[in-house]
Amino acid sequence: MLTGYVVVTSKLSTLVDEIKFCLKSAGMTTTPTTQEKLLAAARRLFWERGYSNVSVRKVASEAGVDIALISRYFGSKQGLFQATLDQMTEVEAIRGLTPRELVEAIVDLCRYTPRQTPEPSSLRMLLTNAHDTDVGDMVRECYRRNFNDPIAEILGSQERAAMFSAVLLGMSVAEKSLRLPGIGAPEGPLYEAQIRQLFSVTTEFVPDETKTEALP
């Protein structure tokens, strides 16, 4: 069983932050490049507000650079958005896991991911942009390639992978948007039991299209 998956990742991230702080204190920090500034601003704005609700002028202003540099480095607004999607590399961590390990990894992810951060999460990006008429196809393809298909490979079917994604996205909405009172505190035992139960059920689902049972 895989345990502490996200805890280790969080500790590494904290260590990196501490190193950056030490370098800054010693006057050894490096200045972000123009591309890095644009990517950071685009990710923050596109992922939080939605692609179609943000202009390239706003991104350039947020980054503090000339608007013409977006075309120079990324070709277009969509090219810039695609570059933010290319940063979603954290999903590589699930490849090669067993179904049980996958559940434990996602349980840890849900429990220990910080709720109050200045940067929007990948889930926030999905919920904000998957329906967008201009980039919706790009978002869905990114999710399918980097997350859904690896999950389907682990769980053995697209049906189970779809249910797994539905639980992940549904819990995010229920907790953060609807704020349902029955959901436990993220790092508490109730929340852990709830999400483990939900994700575990998806790994055991056996599709049978020939049989439907009415609820009592």
N, C-alpha and C. Protein backbone atom coordinates (compact mmCIF):
# COMPACT_ATOMS: atom_id res chain seq x y z
N MET A 1 0.84 -1.19 0.00
CA MET A 1 0.00 0.00 0.00
C MET A 1 0.88 1.25 0.00
N LEU A 2 0.49 2.21 -0.84
CA LEU A 2 1.24 3.46 -0.89
C LEU A 2 0.69 4.41 0.16
N THR A 3 1.52 4.87 1.06
CA THR A 3 1.08 5.81 2.08
C THR A 3 2.01 7.01 2.07
N GLY A 4 1.48 8.12 2.52
CA GLY A 4 2.27 9.34 2.62
C GLY A 4 2.68 9.92 1.29
N TYR A 5 2.00 9.54 0.23
CA TYR A 5 2.37 9.98 -1.13
C TYR A 5 2.44 11.50 -1.25
N VAL A 6 1.34 12.15 -0.88
CA VAL A 6 1.29 13.59 -1.02
C VAL A 6 2.03 14.28 0.12
N VAL A 7 2.12 13.62 1.27
CA VAL A 7 2.86 14.21 2.39
C VAL A 7 4.30 14.44 1.99
N VAL A 8 4.89 13.42 1.33
CA VAL A 8 6.27 13.55 0.89
C VAL A 8 6.41 14.68 -0.12
N THR A 9 5.47 14.74 -1.07
CA THR A 9 5.49 15.80 -2.07
C THR A 9 5.39 17.16 -1.42
N SER A 10 4.51 17.27 -0.42
CA SER A 10 4.34 18.54 0.28
C SER A 10 5.62 18.94 1.01
N LYS A 11 6.29 17.95 1.64
CA LYS A 11 7.52 18.25 2.36
C LYS A 11 8.62 18.71 1.40
N LEU A 12 8.67 18.08 0.22
CA LEU A 12 9.66 18.49 -0.77
C LEU A 12 9.39 19.91 -1.24
N SER A 13 8.10 20.22 -1.44
CA SER A 13 7.73 21.57 -1.87
C SER A 13 8.12 22.59 -0.80
N THR A 14 7.90 22.22 0.47
CA THR A 14 8.27 23.11 1.57
C THR A 14 9.77 23.34 1.60
N LEU A 15 10.52 22.25 1.36
CA LEU A 15 11.98 22.35 1.35
C LEU A 15 12.44 23.29 0.25
N VAL A 16 11.82 23.18 -0.92
CA VAL A 16 12.18 24.07 -2.03
C VAL A 16 11.89 25.51 -1.66
N ASP A 17 10.74 25.76 -1.02
CA ASP A 17 10.39 27.11 -0.60
C ASP A 17 11.41 27.66 0.40
N GLU A 18 11.87 26.79 1.32
CA GLU A 18 12.85 27.21 2.31
C GLU A 18 14.18 27.57 1.64
N ILE A 19 14.57 26.78 0.65
CA ILE A 19 15.81 27.06 -0.08
C ILE A 19 15.70 28.39 -0.81
N LYS A 20 14.56 28.64 -1.43
CA LYS A 20 14.34 29.90 -2.13
C LYS A 20 14.42 31.07 -1.16
N PHE A 21 13.85 30.88 0.03
CA PHE A 21 13.87 31.94 1.03
C PHE A 21 15.31 32.24 1.46
N CYS A 22 16.09 31.17 1.65
CA CYS A 22 17.49 31.36 2.06
C CYS A 22 18.28 32.07 0.97
N LEU A 23 18.03 31.69 -0.28
CA LEU A 23 18.73 32.33 -1.39
C LEU A 23 18.35 33.80 -1.49
N LYS A 24 17.06 34.08 -1.27
CA LYS A 24 16.61 35.47 -1.32
C LYS A 24 17.26 36.28 -0.22
N SER A 25 17.34 35.68 0.98
CA SER A 25 17.94 36.37 2.10
C SER A 25 19.41 36.67 1.85
N ALA A 26 20.06 35.78 1.10
CA ALA A 26 21.48 35.95 0.81
C ALA A 26 21.73 36.77 -0.45
N GLY A 27 20.65 37.25 -1.05
CA GLY A 27 20.78 38.05 -2.27
C GLY A 27 21.18 37.23 -3.47
N MET A 28 20.77 35.93 -3.50
CA MET A 28 21.20 35.03 -4.57
C MET A 28 20.04 34.59 -5.46
N THR A 29 18.90 35.25 -5.40
CA THR A 29 17.77 34.86 -6.21
C THR A 29 17.99 35.22 -7.67
N THR A 30 17.39 34.44 -8.56
CA THR A 30 17.47 34.72 -9.99
C THR A 30 16.19 35.42 -10.43
N THR A 31 16.31 36.33 -11.34
CA THR A 31 15.16 37.07 -11.84
C THR A 31 14.38 36.20 -12.83
N PRO A 32 13.04 36.07 -12.66
CA PRO A 32 12.25 35.27 -13.60
C PRO A 32 12.38 35.80 -15.02
N THR A 33 12.41 34.90 -15.98
CA THR A 33 12.47 35.32 -17.38
C THR A 33 11.11 35.86 -17.81
N THR A 34 11.09 36.50 -18.96
CA THR A 34 9.83 37.02 -19.48
C THR A 34 8.82 35.91 -19.69
N GLN A 35 9.27 34.77 -20.22
CA GLN A 35 8.38 33.63 -20.43
C GLN A 35 7.81 33.14 -19.12
N GLU A 36 8.64 33.05 -18.10
CA GLU A 36 8.18 32.59 -16.79
C GLU A 36 7.15 33.55 -16.20
N LYS A 37 7.38 34.84 -16.38
CA LYS A 37 6.43 35.84 -15.88
C LYS A 37 5.08 35.69 -16.58
N LEU A 38 5.12 35.52 -17.89
CA LEU A 38 3.88 35.37 -18.66
C LEU A 38 3.15 34.08 -18.28
N LEU A 39 3.89 32.99 -18.13
CA LEU A 39 3.27 31.73 -17.76
C LEU A 39 2.63 31.80 -16.39
N ALA A 40 3.31 32.41 -15.45
CA ALA A 40 2.78 32.52 -14.09
C ALA A 40 1.50 33.36 -14.07
N ALA A 41 1.52 34.47 -14.80
CA ALA A 41 0.35 35.34 -14.85
C ALA A 41 -0.80 34.66 -15.58
N ALA A 42 -0.50 33.98 -16.68
CA ALA A 42 -1.54 33.30 -17.47
C ALA A 42 -2.18 32.17 -16.67
N ARG A 43 -1.35 31.39 -16.01
CA ARG A 43 -1.89 30.29 -15.20
C ARG A 43 -2.81 30.83 -14.11
N ARG A 44 -2.38 31.86 -13.42
CA ARG A 44 -3.17 32.43 -12.34
C ARG A 44 -4.50 32.99 -12.86
N LEU A 45 -4.47 33.71 -13.96
CA LEU A 45 -5.67 34.35 -14.48
C LEU A 45 -6.58 33.40 -15.24
N PHE A 46 -6.01 32.63 -16.18
CA PHE A 46 -6.82 31.70 -16.97
C PHE A 46 -7.45 30.63 -16.09
N TRP A 47 -6.68 30.09 -15.18
CA TRP A 47 -7.17 28.99 -14.36
C TRP A 47 -8.20 29.45 -13.34
N GLU A 48 -8.07 30.65 -12.86
CA GLU A 48 -8.99 31.15 -11.83
C GLU A 48 -10.25 31.76 -12.43
N ARG A 49 -10.09 32.59 -13.46
CA ARG A 49 -11.22 33.34 -14.01
C ARG A 49 -11.83 32.71 -15.25
N GLY A 50 -11.07 31.88 -15.95
CA GLY A 50 -11.55 31.30 -17.19
C GLY A 50 -10.90 31.95 -18.40
N TYR A 51 -10.55 31.14 -19.37
CA TYR A 51 -9.82 31.62 -20.56
C TYR A 51 -10.52 32.78 -21.25
N SER A 52 -11.81 32.63 -21.52
CA SER A 52 -12.53 33.63 -22.30
C SER A 52 -12.81 34.91 -21.52
N ASN A 53 -12.60 34.88 -20.22
CA ASN A 53 -12.85 36.05 -19.39
C ASN A 53 -11.59 36.89 -19.16
N VAL A 54 -10.48 36.47 -19.77
CA VAL A 54 -9.21 37.16 -19.55
C VAL A 54 -8.60 37.54 -20.90
N SER A 55 -8.23 38.78 -21.06
CA SER A 55 -7.60 39.23 -22.31
C SER A 55 -6.08 39.08 -22.23
N VAL A 56 -5.44 39.03 -23.40
CA VAL A 56 -3.98 38.95 -23.42
C VAL A 56 -3.38 40.24 -22.85
N ARG A 57 -4.09 41.32 -23.01
CA ARG A 57 -3.60 42.58 -22.44
C ARG A 57 -3.55 42.50 -20.92
N LYS A 58 -4.56 41.83 -20.33
CA LYS A 58 -4.59 41.67 -18.88
C LYS A 58 -3.43 40.78 -18.42
N VAL A 59 -3.17 39.72 -19.16
CA VAL A 59 -2.06 38.82 -18.81
C VAL A 59 -0.74 39.57 -18.87
N ALA A 60 -0.53 40.31 -19.95
CA ALA A 60 0.71 41.07 -20.10
C ALA A 60 0.87 42.10 -18.99
N SER A 61 -0.23 42.77 -18.64
CA SER A 61 -0.18 43.76 -17.58
C SER A 61 0.16 43.10 -16.25
N GLU A 62 -0.45 41.96 -15.98
CA GLU A 62 -0.18 41.23 -14.74
C GLU A 62 1.27 40.78 -14.66
N ALA A 63 1.81 40.38 -15.82
CA ALA A 63 3.20 39.93 -15.87
C ALA A 63 4.19 41.09 -15.89
N GLY A 64 3.69 42.28 -16.22
CA GLY A 64 4.56 43.44 -16.30
C GLY A 64 5.45 43.46 -17.53
N VAL A 65 4.94 42.94 -18.65
CA VAL A 65 5.72 42.90 -19.88
C VAL A 65 4.89 43.45 -21.04
N ASP A 66 5.54 43.68 -22.17
CA ASP A 66 4.88 44.17 -23.37
C ASP A 66 3.97 43.09 -23.95
N ILE A 67 2.76 43.46 -24.36
CA ILE A 67 1.79 42.51 -24.89
C ILE A 67 2.31 41.77 -26.12
N ALA A 68 3.16 42.42 -26.92
CA ALA A 68 3.69 41.80 -28.14
C ALA A 68 4.52 40.56 -27.84
N LEU A 69 5.03 40.45 -26.62
CA LEU A 69 5.89 39.32 -26.27
C LEU A 69 5.11 38.02 -26.14
N ILE A 70 3.80 38.10 -25.98
CA ILE A 70 2.98 36.88 -25.94
C ILE A 70 3.05 36.17 -27.28
N SER A 71 2.90 36.94 -28.36
CA SER A 71 3.02 36.34 -29.70
C SER A 71 4.43 35.85 -29.97
N ARG A 72 5.40 36.58 -29.50
CA ARG A 72 6.80 36.20 -29.73
C ARG A 72 7.13 34.86 -29.11
N TYR A 73 6.69 34.65 -27.86
CA TYR A 73 7.08 33.45 -27.13
C TYR A 73 6.09 32.29 -27.26
N PHE A 74 4.79 32.62 -27.46
CA PHE A 74 3.78 31.57 -27.44
C PHE A 74 2.91 31.50 -28.69
N GLY A 75 3.09 32.46 -29.59
CA GLY A 75 2.37 32.43 -30.86
C GLY A 75 1.00 33.07 -30.81
N SER A 76 0.24 32.77 -29.77
CA SER A 76 -1.12 33.27 -29.66
C SER A 76 -1.62 33.11 -28.23
N LYS A 77 -2.83 33.60 -27.99
CA LYS A 77 -3.45 33.44 -26.68
C LYS A 77 -3.65 31.96 -26.37
N GLN A 78 -4.12 31.20 -27.37
CA GLN A 78 -4.32 29.77 -27.15
C GLN A 78 -3.00 29.05 -26.92
N GLY A 79 -1.95 29.50 -27.60
CA GLY A 79 -0.64 28.92 -27.38
C GLY A 79 -0.16 29.14 -25.96
N LEU A 80 -0.46 30.30 -25.42
CA LEU A 80 -0.10 30.61 -24.04
C LEU A 80 -0.90 29.73 -23.08
N PHE A 81 -2.18 29.57 -23.36
CA PHE A 81 -3.01 28.71 -22.51
C PHE A 81 -2.51 27.27 -22.55
N GLN A 82 -2.17 26.79 -23.75
CA GLN A 82 -1.65 25.43 -23.88
C GLN A 82 -0.38 25.25 -23.06
N ALA A 83 0.45 26.28 -23.02
CA ALA A 83 1.68 26.22 -22.24
C ALA A 83 1.38 26.05 -20.75
N THR A 84 0.27 26.64 -20.28
CA THR A 84 -0.09 26.44 -18.88
C THR A 84 -0.56 25.01 -18.65
N LEU A 85 -1.23 24.42 -19.63
CA LEU A 85 -1.67 23.02 -19.51
C LEU A 85 -0.46 22.08 -19.48
N ASP A 86 0.56 22.45 -20.22
CA ASP A 86 1.76 21.60 -20.28
C ASP A 86 2.47 21.54 -18.93
N GLN A 87 2.13 22.44 -18.02
CA GLN A 87 2.73 22.43 -16.70
C GLN A 87 2.08 21.40 -15.78
N MET A 88 1.00 20.79 -16.21
CA MET A 88 0.30 19.81 -15.37
C MET A 88 1.02 18.46 -15.40
N THR A 89 2.19 18.41 -14.83
CA THR A 89 3.00 17.19 -14.85
C THR A 89 2.84 16.34 -13.60
N GLU A 90 2.13 16.87 -12.58
CA GLU A 90 2.02 16.12 -11.33
C GLU A 90 1.26 14.80 -11.49
N VAL A 91 0.42 14.68 -12.55
CA VAL A 91 -0.35 13.47 -12.75
C VAL A 91 0.53 12.28 -13.12
N GLU A 92 1.77 12.53 -13.54
CA GLU A 92 2.68 11.44 -13.87
C GLU A 92 2.89 10.52 -12.67
N ALA A 93 2.67 11.02 -11.47
CA ALA A 93 2.93 10.25 -10.26
C ALA A 93 2.00 9.05 -10.11
N ILE A 94 0.86 9.04 -10.80
CA ILE A 94 -0.07 7.92 -10.62
C ILE A 94 0.24 6.74 -11.53
N ARG A 95 1.08 6.93 -12.52
CA ARG A 95 1.35 5.86 -13.48
C ARG A 95 2.05 4.69 -12.79
N GLY A 96 1.56 3.48 -13.10
CA GLY A 96 2.18 2.28 -12.56
C GLY A 96 1.66 1.83 -11.21
N LEU A 97 0.71 2.56 -10.62
CA LEU A 97 0.18 2.17 -9.32
C LEU A 97 -0.84 1.04 -9.48
N THR A 98 -1.07 0.30 -8.42
CA THR A 98 -2.17 -0.66 -8.36
C THR A 98 -3.44 0.10 -8.00
N PRO A 99 -4.63 -0.49 -8.20
CA PRO A 99 -5.86 0.20 -7.81
C PRO A 99 -5.86 0.62 -6.34
N ARG A 100 -5.39 -0.23 -5.45
CA ARG A 100 -5.36 0.11 -4.03
C ARG A 100 -4.41 1.28 -3.77
N GLU A 101 -3.25 1.25 -4.42
CA GLU A 101 -2.29 2.34 -4.27
C GLU A 101 -2.84 3.65 -4.83
N LEU A 102 -3.57 3.54 -5.93
CA LEU A 102 -4.18 4.73 -6.53
C LEU A 102 -5.16 5.38 -5.56
N VAL A 103 -6.01 4.58 -4.95
CA VAL A 103 -6.98 5.11 -3.99
C VAL A 103 -6.27 5.81 -2.84
N GLU A 104 -5.24 5.17 -2.29
CA GLU A 104 -4.52 5.77 -1.17
C GLU A 104 -3.81 7.06 -1.57
N ALA A 105 -3.27 7.09 -2.79
CA ALA A 105 -2.60 8.30 -3.28
C ALA A 105 -3.58 9.46 -3.41
N ILE A 106 -4.78 9.18 -3.96
CA ILE A 106 -5.76 10.23 -4.14
C ILE A 106 -6.37 10.65 -2.80
N VAL A 107 -6.52 9.70 -1.89
CA VAL A 107 -7.00 10.04 -0.55
C VAL A 107 -6.02 11.03 0.11
N ASP A 108 -4.73 10.73 0.02
CA ASP A 108 -3.72 11.64 0.57
C ASP A 108 -3.76 12.99 -0.13
N LEU A 109 -3.92 12.96 -1.46
CA LEU A 109 -3.99 14.20 -2.22
C LEU A 109 -5.14 15.07 -1.75
N CYS A 110 -6.31 14.45 -1.58
CA CYS A 110 -7.49 15.20 -1.15
C CYS A 110 -7.34 15.73 0.27
N ARG A 111 -6.71 14.95 1.12
CA ARG A 111 -6.59 15.34 2.53
C ARG A 111 -5.55 16.43 2.76
N TYR A 112 -4.43 16.35 2.09
CA TYR A 112 -3.30 17.19 2.44
C TYR A 112 -3.00 18.35 1.49
N THR A 113 -3.72 18.41 0.37
CA THR A 113 -3.54 19.56 -0.52
C THR A 113 -4.02 20.82 0.18
N PRO A 114 -3.19 21.86 0.27
CA PRO A 114 -3.60 23.10 0.96
C PRO A 114 -4.83 23.72 0.31
N ARG A 115 -5.78 24.14 1.13
CA ARG A 115 -7.01 24.75 0.62
C ARG A 115 -6.85 26.23 0.33
N GLN A 116 -6.06 26.91 1.11
CA GLN A 116 -5.89 28.35 0.96
C GLN A 116 -4.53 28.66 0.34
N THR A 117 -4.49 28.77 -0.97
CA THR A 117 -3.26 29.09 -1.68
C THR A 117 -3.55 30.18 -2.71
N PRO A 118 -2.55 31.00 -3.02
CA PRO A 118 -2.77 32.06 -4.01
C PRO A 118 -2.91 31.55 -5.44
N GLU A 119 -2.42 30.34 -5.68
CA GLU A 119 -2.45 29.79 -7.04
C GLU A 119 -3.64 28.84 -7.21
N PRO A 120 -4.41 28.97 -8.30
CA PRO A 120 -5.53 28.05 -8.54
C PRO A 120 -5.04 26.64 -8.82
N SER A 121 -5.81 25.65 -8.39
CA SER A 121 -5.43 24.25 -8.57
C SER A 121 -5.80 23.74 -9.95
N SER A 122 -5.32 22.54 -10.27
CA SER A 122 -5.69 21.90 -11.54
C SER A 122 -7.18 21.63 -11.59
N LEU A 123 -7.78 21.25 -10.46
CA LEU A 123 -9.22 21.02 -10.43
C LEU A 123 -9.98 22.31 -10.71
N ARG A 124 -9.49 23.41 -10.17
CA ARG A 124 -10.11 24.70 -10.44
C ARG A 124 -10.06 25.03 -11.93
N MET A 125 -8.92 24.74 -12.55
CA MET A 125 -8.76 24.98 -13.98
C MET A 125 -9.78 24.17 -14.77
N LEU A 126 -9.97 22.90 -14.40
CA LEU A 126 -10.92 22.04 -15.10
C LEU A 126 -12.34 22.57 -14.99
N LEU A 127 -12.74 22.88 -13.78
CA LEU A 127 -14.11 23.34 -13.54
C LEU A 127 -14.38 24.69 -14.22
N THR A 128 -13.35 25.50 -14.37
CA THR A 128 -13.51 26.84 -14.95
C THR A 128 -13.45 26.83 -16.47
N ASN A 129 -12.68 25.91 -17.06
CA ASN A 129 -12.39 25.99 -18.50
C ASN A 129 -12.86 24.82 -19.35
N ALA A 130 -13.28 23.72 -18.75
CA ALA A 130 -13.65 22.55 -19.56
C ALA A 130 -14.84 22.81 -20.47
N HIS A 131 -15.69 23.76 -20.11
CA HIS A 131 -16.88 24.06 -20.91
C HIS A 131 -16.64 25.21 -21.90
N ASP A 132 -15.46 25.81 -21.88
CA ASP A 132 -15.17 26.97 -22.72
C ASP A 132 -15.21 26.59 -24.20
N THR A 133 -15.88 27.40 -25.01
CA THR A 133 -16.03 27.07 -26.43
C THR A 133 -14.71 27.14 -27.19
N ASP A 134 -13.75 27.94 -26.71
CA ASP A 134 -12.49 28.10 -27.42
C ASP A 134 -11.43 27.07 -27.00
N VAL A 135 -11.36 26.75 -25.71
CA VAL A 135 -10.29 25.87 -25.23
C VAL A 135 -10.81 24.61 -24.54
N GLY A 136 -12.14 24.42 -24.55
CA GLY A 136 -12.71 23.25 -23.88
C GLY A 136 -12.13 21.95 -24.40
N ASP A 137 -11.97 21.83 -25.72
CA ASP A 137 -11.41 20.61 -26.31
C ASP A 137 -9.98 20.38 -25.83
N MET A 138 -9.20 21.44 -25.71
CA MET A 138 -7.82 21.34 -25.24
C MET A 138 -7.78 20.84 -23.80
N VAL A 139 -8.68 21.37 -22.97
CA VAL A 139 -8.72 20.99 -21.56
C VAL A 139 -9.14 19.53 -21.42
N ARG A 140 -10.16 19.13 -22.16
CA ARG A 140 -10.64 17.75 -22.07
C ARG A 140 -9.59 16.76 -22.56
N GLU A 141 -8.90 17.13 -23.63
CA GLU A 141 -7.83 16.27 -24.15
C GLU A 141 -6.69 16.16 -23.15
N CYS A 142 -6.34 17.27 -22.53
CA CYS A 142 -5.28 17.27 -21.52
C CYS A 142 -5.66 16.36 -20.35
N TYR A 143 -6.89 16.49 -19.90
CA TYR A 143 -7.35 15.65 -18.78
C TYR A 143 -7.39 14.18 -19.18
N ARG A 144 -7.92 13.92 -20.37
CA ARG A 144 -8.01 12.54 -20.81
C ARG A 144 -6.63 11.89 -20.92
N ARG A 145 -5.70 12.59 -21.53
CA ARG A 145 -4.36 12.03 -21.77
C ARG A 145 -3.56 11.88 -20.48
N ASN A 146 -3.62 12.88 -19.64
CA ASN A 146 -2.75 12.90 -18.46
C ASN A 146 -3.35 12.28 -17.21
N PHE A 147 -4.67 12.15 -17.16
CA PHE A 147 -5.28 11.66 -15.94
C PHE A 147 -6.26 10.52 -16.19
N ASN A 148 -7.25 10.73 -17.03
CA ASN A 148 -8.29 9.72 -17.21
C ASN A 148 -7.75 8.42 -17.80
N ASP A 149 -6.96 8.51 -18.87
CA ASP A 149 -6.45 7.29 -19.50
C ASP A 149 -5.51 6.50 -18.59
N PRO A 150 -4.58 7.16 -17.87
CA PRO A 150 -3.76 6.40 -16.92
C PRO A 150 -4.60 5.73 -15.82
N ILE A 151 -5.67 6.39 -15.39
CA ILE A 151 -6.55 5.79 -14.38
C ILE A 151 -7.28 4.59 -14.98
N ALA A 152 -7.75 4.73 -16.22
CA ALA A 152 -8.43 3.62 -16.88
C ALA A 152 -7.50 2.42 -17.02
N GLU A 153 -6.24 2.68 -17.30
CA GLU A 153 -5.26 1.59 -17.41
C GLU A 153 -5.07 0.89 -16.06
N ILE A 154 -5.05 1.67 -14.99
CA ILE A 154 -4.88 1.09 -13.66
C ILE A 154 -6.12 0.31 -13.23
N LEU A 155 -7.30 0.89 -13.47
CA LEU A 155 -8.54 0.28 -12.99
C LEU A 155 -9.13 -0.74 -13.96
N GLY A 156 -8.64 -0.75 -15.19
CA GLY A 156 -9.06 -1.78 -16.13
C GLY A 156 -10.25 -1.44 -17.00
N SER A 157 -10.79 -0.23 -16.91
CA SER A 157 -11.89 0.14 -17.79
C SER A 157 -12.11 1.64 -17.78
N GLN A 158 -12.66 2.14 -18.89
CA GLN A 158 -13.00 3.56 -18.98
C GLN A 158 -14.18 3.90 -18.07
N GLU A 159 -15.07 2.92 -17.87
CA GLU A 159 -16.22 3.15 -17.00
C GLU A 159 -15.78 3.46 -15.57
N ARG A 160 -14.85 2.67 -15.06
CA ARG A 160 -14.36 2.90 -13.70
C ARG A 160 -13.61 4.23 -13.62
N ALA A 161 -12.83 4.53 -14.66
CA ALA A 161 -12.10 5.79 -14.68
C ALA A 161 -13.05 6.99 -14.67
N ALA A 162 -14.14 6.88 -15.42
CA ALA A 162 -15.13 7.97 -15.45
C ALA A 162 -15.76 8.16 -14.08
N MET A 163 -16.07 7.07 -13.40
CA MET A 163 -16.64 7.16 -12.06
C MET A 163 -15.63 7.76 -11.08
N PHE A 164 -14.38 7.37 -11.23
CA PHE A 164 -13.31 7.89 -10.37
C PHE A 164 -13.20 9.40 -10.53
N SER A 165 -13.22 9.87 -11.77
CA SER A 165 -13.16 11.31 -12.03
C SER A 165 -14.39 12.02 -11.48
N ALA A 166 -15.56 11.37 -11.61
CA ALA A 166 -16.79 11.98 -11.11
C ALA A 166 -16.73 12.18 -9.60
N VAL A 167 -16.15 11.21 -8.90
CA VAL A 167 -16.01 11.34 -7.45
C VAL A 167 -15.04 12.48 -7.11
N LEU A 168 -13.92 12.52 -7.81
CA LEU A 168 -12.91 13.54 -7.54
C LEU A 168 -13.46 14.94 -7.75
N LEU A 169 -14.09 15.16 -8.89
CA LEU A 169 -14.63 16.48 -9.21
C LEU A 169 -15.85 16.80 -8.35
N GLY A 170 -16.68 15.78 -8.12
CA GLY A 170 -17.88 15.99 -7.31
C GLY A 170 -17.55 16.36 -5.88
N MET A 171 -16.56 15.70 -5.29
CA MET A 171 -16.17 16.03 -3.92
C MET A 171 -15.61 17.44 -3.84
N SER A 172 -14.88 17.84 -4.88
CA SER A 172 -14.33 19.19 -4.89
C SER A 172 -15.44 20.23 -4.89
N VAL A 173 -16.46 20.01 -5.71
CA VAL A 173 -17.59 20.94 -5.77
C VAL A 173 -18.38 20.92 -4.47
N ALA A 174 -18.62 19.72 -3.94
CA ALA A 174 -19.41 19.60 -2.71
C ALA A 174 -18.72 20.28 -1.53
N GLU A 175 -17.40 20.15 -1.49
CA GLU A 175 -16.65 20.73 -0.37
C GLU A 175 -16.42 22.23 -0.53
N LYS A 176 -15.95 22.65 -1.72
CA LYS A 176 -15.48 24.02 -1.88
C LYS A 176 -16.56 24.98 -2.38
N SER A 177 -17.46 24.48 -3.22
CA SER A 177 -18.49 25.37 -3.78
C SER A 177 -19.80 25.30 -2.99
N LEU A 178 -20.31 24.08 -2.82
CA LEU A 178 -21.57 23.91 -2.08
C LEU A 178 -21.37 23.97 -0.57
N ARG A 179 -20.17 23.60 -0.12
CA ARG A 179 -19.84 23.60 1.31
C ARG A 179 -20.86 22.82 2.12
N LEU A 180 -21.13 21.61 1.66
CA LEU A 180 -22.13 20.77 2.33
C LEU A 180 -21.69 20.45 3.76
N PRO A 181 -22.58 20.59 4.73
CA PRO A 181 -22.21 20.41 6.13
C PRO A 181 -21.86 18.98 6.50
N GLY A 182 -22.28 18.00 5.69
CA GLY A 182 -22.01 16.61 6.03
C GLY A 182 -20.61 16.13 5.68
N ILE A 183 -19.84 16.96 5.00
CA ILE A 183 -18.48 16.58 4.62
C ILE A 183 -17.53 16.93 5.76
N GLY A 184 -16.70 15.95 6.15
CA GLY A 184 -15.80 16.16 7.27
C GLY A 184 -14.69 17.14 6.97
N ALA A 185 -13.99 17.55 8.02
CA ALA A 185 -12.82 18.42 7.86
C ALA A 185 -11.74 17.67 7.09
N PRO A 186 -11.07 18.33 6.14
CA PRO A 186 -10.13 17.65 5.23
C PRO A 186 -9.11 16.72 5.88
N GLU A 187 -8.54 17.08 7.01
CA GLU A 187 -7.53 16.24 7.62
C GLU A 187 -8.08 15.37 8.74
N GLY A 188 -9.40 15.31 8.87
CA GLY A 188 -10.02 14.51 9.92
C GLY A 188 -10.37 13.11 9.46
N PRO A 189 -10.70 12.22 10.40
CA PRO A 189 -11.00 10.82 10.08
C PRO A 189 -12.29 10.64 9.29
N LEU A 190 -13.30 11.51 9.52
CA LEU A 190 -14.55 11.38 8.78
C LEU A 190 -14.33 11.63 7.30
N TYR A 191 -13.63 12.70 6.97
CA TYR A 191 -13.35 13.02 5.56
C TYR A 191 -12.56 11.90 4.91
N GLU A 192 -11.56 11.40 5.59
CA GLU A 192 -10.75 10.31 5.05
C GLU A 192 -11.61 9.09 4.77
N ALA A 193 -12.50 8.74 5.69
CA ALA A 193 -13.37 7.58 5.50
C ALA A 193 -14.33 7.79 4.33
N GLN A 194 -14.86 9.01 4.22
CA GLN A 194 -15.80 9.30 3.15
C GLN A 194 -15.17 9.15 1.77
N ILE A 195 -14.01 9.78 1.58
CA ILE A 195 -13.42 9.74 0.25
C ILE A 195 -12.83 8.35 -0.07
N ARG A 196 -12.32 7.67 0.93
CA ARG A 196 -11.80 6.32 0.67
C ARG A 196 -12.94 5.39 0.24
N GLN A 197 -14.09 5.51 0.90
CA GLN A 197 -15.25 4.70 0.54
C GLN A 197 -15.69 4.97 -0.90
N LEU A 198 -15.80 6.26 -1.24
CA LEU A 198 -16.27 6.62 -2.57
C LEU A 198 -15.31 6.15 -3.66
N PHE A 199 -14.02 6.40 -3.48
CA PHE A 199 -13.05 6.00 -4.50
C PHE A 199 -12.93 4.48 -4.59
N SER A 200 -13.02 3.79 -3.47
CA SER A 200 -12.89 2.33 -3.47
C SER A 200 -14.03 1.68 -4.24
N VAL A 201 -15.22 2.23 -4.12
CA VAL A 201 -16.38 1.68 -4.84
C VAL A 201 -16.14 1.71 -6.35
N THR A 202 -15.53 2.77 -6.85
CA THR A 202 -15.30 2.87 -8.30
C THR A 202 -14.36 1.79 -8.80
N THR A 203 -13.42 1.35 -7.96
CA THR A 203 -12.45 0.34 -8.40
C THR A 203 -13.07 -1.05 -8.50
N GLU A 204 -14.25 -1.23 -7.89
CA GLU A 204 -14.90 -2.54 -7.86
C GLU A 204 -16.08 -2.64 -8.81
N PHE A 205 -16.39 -1.54 -9.49
CA PHE A 205 -17.56 -1.51 -10.36
C PHE A 205 -17.40 -2.48 -11.52
N VAL A 206 -18.46 -3.27 -11.76
CA VAL A 206 -18.49 -4.20 -12.89
C VAL A 206 -19.64 -3.79 -13.81
N PRO A 207 -19.36 -3.19 -14.95
CA PRO A 207 -20.44 -2.72 -15.84
C PRO A 207 -21.23 -3.88 -16.42
N ASP A 208 -22.53 -3.76 -16.35
CA ASP A 208 -23.42 -4.76 -16.94
C ASP A 208 -24.57 -4.02 -17.57
N GLU A 209 -24.45 -3.76 -18.88
CA GLU A 209 -25.44 -2.95 -19.57
C GLU A 209 -26.75 -3.70 -19.80
N THR A 210 -26.75 -4.99 -19.54
CA THR A 210 -27.98 -5.78 -19.80
C THR A 210 -28.90 -5.79 -18.59
N LYS A 211 -28.41 -5.28 -17.45
CA LYS A 211 -29.22 -5.36 -16.24
C LYS A 211 -29.30 -4.02 -15.55
N THR A 212 -30.47 -3.57 -15.26
CA THR A 212 -30.68 -2.35 -14.48
C THR A 212 -31.62 -2.67 -13.34
N GLU A 213 -31.31 -2.19 -12.18
CA GLU A 213 -32.15 -2.45 -11.00
C GLU A 213 -32.71 -1.14 -10.49
N ALA A 214 -34.01 -1.13 -10.24
CA ALA A 214 -34.66 0.07 -9.72
C ALA A 214 -34.31 0.21 -8.23
N LEU A 215 -34.16 1.44 -7.81
CA LEU A 215 -33.91 1.67 -6.40
C LEU A 215 -35.16 1.34 -5.60
N PRO A 216 -34.99 0.79 -4.39
CA PRO A 216 -36.18 0.46 -3.57
C PRO A 216 -36.93 1.71 -3.16
